Amino acid sequence: MRRFTQILAAAAGGAMVLAGLATPAHAEVWGCFTSVNTTTNVAGTICSSGFGSYRVAAKCNSAHYPYTRTVVGPWVTKVSGRPGPASTVSGDPQGCHVVEAWTQFP
């Protein structure tokens, strides 16, 4: 019985070492379209392929300090095989004007 316990402990230790060396799964989205609507002062992004999380980030200009800052929309998750949801951010609540946007990934 003692020998069985030693073998089991060695196997568990080896499994933990292998688990520590394994790389985690990496989700990836692509086919992202980012837009800025200066009339509504909103930026948005949507991704069409892959799966995983993303959000919109936008450069927002203001007449007050800080004159330029980055504002971000909520993280959204695209499921494989389905269209991705939109992540949007408005400059109005931030007191600034959205002028440029891009997609951020975790």
Protein backbone atom coordinates (compact mmCIF):
# COMPACT_ATOMS: atom_id res chain seq x y z
CA MET A 1 0.00 0.00 0.00
CA ARG A 2 2.87 2.35 0.82
CA ARG A 3 4.39 1.76 -2.63
CA PHE A 4 1.05 2.61 -4.28
CA THR A 5 0.88 5.88 -2.32
CA GLN A 6 4.40 6.83 -3.43
CA ILE A 7 3.58 6.12 -7.09
CA LEU A 8 0.35 8.11 -6.83
CA ALA A 9 2.17 11.06 -5.24
CA ALA A 10 4.86 11.00 -7.94
CA ALA A 11 2.23 10.92 -10.69
CA ALA A 12 0.34 13.83 -9.14
CA GLY A 13 3.58 15.84 -8.83
CA GLY A 14 4.43 15.15 -12.46
CA ALA A 15 0.96 16.22 -13.57
CA MET A 16 1.30 19.50 -11.64
CA VAL A 17 4.66 20.19 -13.31
CA LEU A 18 3.19 19.51 -16.76
CA ALA A 19 0.17 21.70 -16.00
CA GLY A 20 2.51 24.50 -14.98
CA LEU A 21 4.34 24.26 -18.31
CA ALA A 22 1.22 24.17 -20.46
CA THR A 23 0.21 27.40 -22.12
CA PRO A 24 -3.34 28.58 -21.53
CA ALA A 25 -5.84 28.63 -24.37
CA HIS A 26 -5.72 31.94 -26.22
CA ALA A 27 -8.97 33.33 -27.57
CA GLU A 28 -8.66 35.47 -30.63
CA VAL A 29 -11.07 37.65 -32.56
CA TRP A 30 -10.45 39.27 -35.92
CA GLY A 31 -12.32 40.93 -38.73
CA CYS A 32 -12.98 43.90 -36.46
CA PHE A 33 -14.55 47.09 -37.78
CA THR A 34 -14.09 50.29 -35.77
CA SER A 35 -15.94 53.52 -36.47
CA VAL A 36 -16.33 57.07 -35.19
CA ASN A 37 -19.53 59.04 -35.69
CA THR A 38 -18.67 62.68 -35.04
CA THR A 39 -22.33 63.75 -35.39
CA THR A 40 -23.45 61.57 -32.45
CA ASN A 41 -20.02 61.70 -30.75
CA VAL A 42 -19.90 57.89 -30.45
CA ALA A 43 -17.20 55.35 -31.29
CA GLY A 44 -17.85 51.65 -31.72
CA THR A 45 -16.30 48.37 -32.71
CA ILE A 46 -17.63 44.98 -33.76
CA CYS A 47 -15.74 41.80 -34.69
CA SER A 48 -16.97 39.21 -37.18
CA SER A 49 -14.66 36.21 -36.75
CA GLY A 50 -13.09 34.11 -34.03
CA PHE A 51 -14.11 34.18 -30.39
CA GLY A 52 -13.11 36.06 -27.27
CA SER A 53 -13.33 39.50 -25.65
CA TYR A 54 -12.74 42.97 -27.03
CA ARG A 55 -13.81 46.58 -26.50
CA VAL A 56 -13.63 49.96 -28.21
CA ALA A 57 -11.14 52.58 -27.09
CA ALA A 58 -11.30 56.15 -28.36
CA LYS A 59 -9.19 59.28 -28.34
CA CYS A 60 -11.36 62.02 -26.90
CA ASN A 61 -10.45 65.73 -27.17
CA SER A 62 -11.60 68.37 -24.70
CA ALA A 63 -11.18 72.12 -24.23
CA HIS A 64 -10.21 71.43 -20.59
CA TYR A 65 -7.28 69.64 -18.98
CA PRO A 66 -6.52 66.83 -19.73
CA TYR A 67 -7.01 67.98 -23.29
CA THR A 68 -6.81 64.51 -24.78
CA ARG A 69 -7.65 61.27 -23.03
CA THR A 70 -8.64 57.73 -23.87
CA VAL A 71 -12.18 56.60 -23.11
CA VAL A 72 -13.25 52.96 -23.38
CA GLY A 73 -16.46 51.04 -23.94
CA PRO A 74 -17.51 47.88 -22.11
CA TRP A 75 -15.80 44.54 -22.69
CA VAL A 76 -17.96 42.31 -24.89
CA THR A 77 -17.50 38.66 -25.78
CA LYS A 78 -17.90 37.11 -29.22
CA VAL A 79 -19.02 33.51 -29.31
CA SER A 80 -17.66 31.28 -32.07
CA GLY A 81 -20.03 30.94 -35.02
CA ARG A 82 -22.13 34.00 -34.12
CA PRO A 83 -21.80 37.70 -34.94
CA GLY A 84 -20.00 39.69 -32.29
CA PRO A 85 -21.78 42.30 -30.17
CA ALA A 86 -20.92 45.98 -30.49
CA SER A 87 -18.89 47.82 -27.87
CA THR A 88 -19.61 51.56 -27.94
CA VAL A 89 -18.52 54.63 -26.02
CA SER A 90 -19.92 58.16 -26.10
CA GLY A 91 -17.85 61.27 -25.58
CA ASP A 92 -20.82 63.27 -24.24
CA PRO A 93 -20.80 61.92 -20.64
CA GLN A 94 -17.01 62.37 -20.66
CA GLY A 95 -17.27 66.00 -21.75
CA CYS A 96 -15.10 65.44 -24.82
CA HIS A 97 -15.23 64.87 -28.58
CA VAL A 98 -14.42 61.43 -29.99
CA VAL A 99 -11.93 61.81 -32.84
CA GLU A 100 -10.28 58.40 -33.31
CA ALA A 101 -11.03 54.82 -32.25
CA TRP A 102 -9.45 51.36 -32.16
CA THR A 103 -10.21 47.89 -30.82
CA GLN A 104 -8.58 46.67 -27.59
CA PHE A 105 -8.03 43.04 -26.64
CA PRO A 106 -7.28 41.68 -23.15
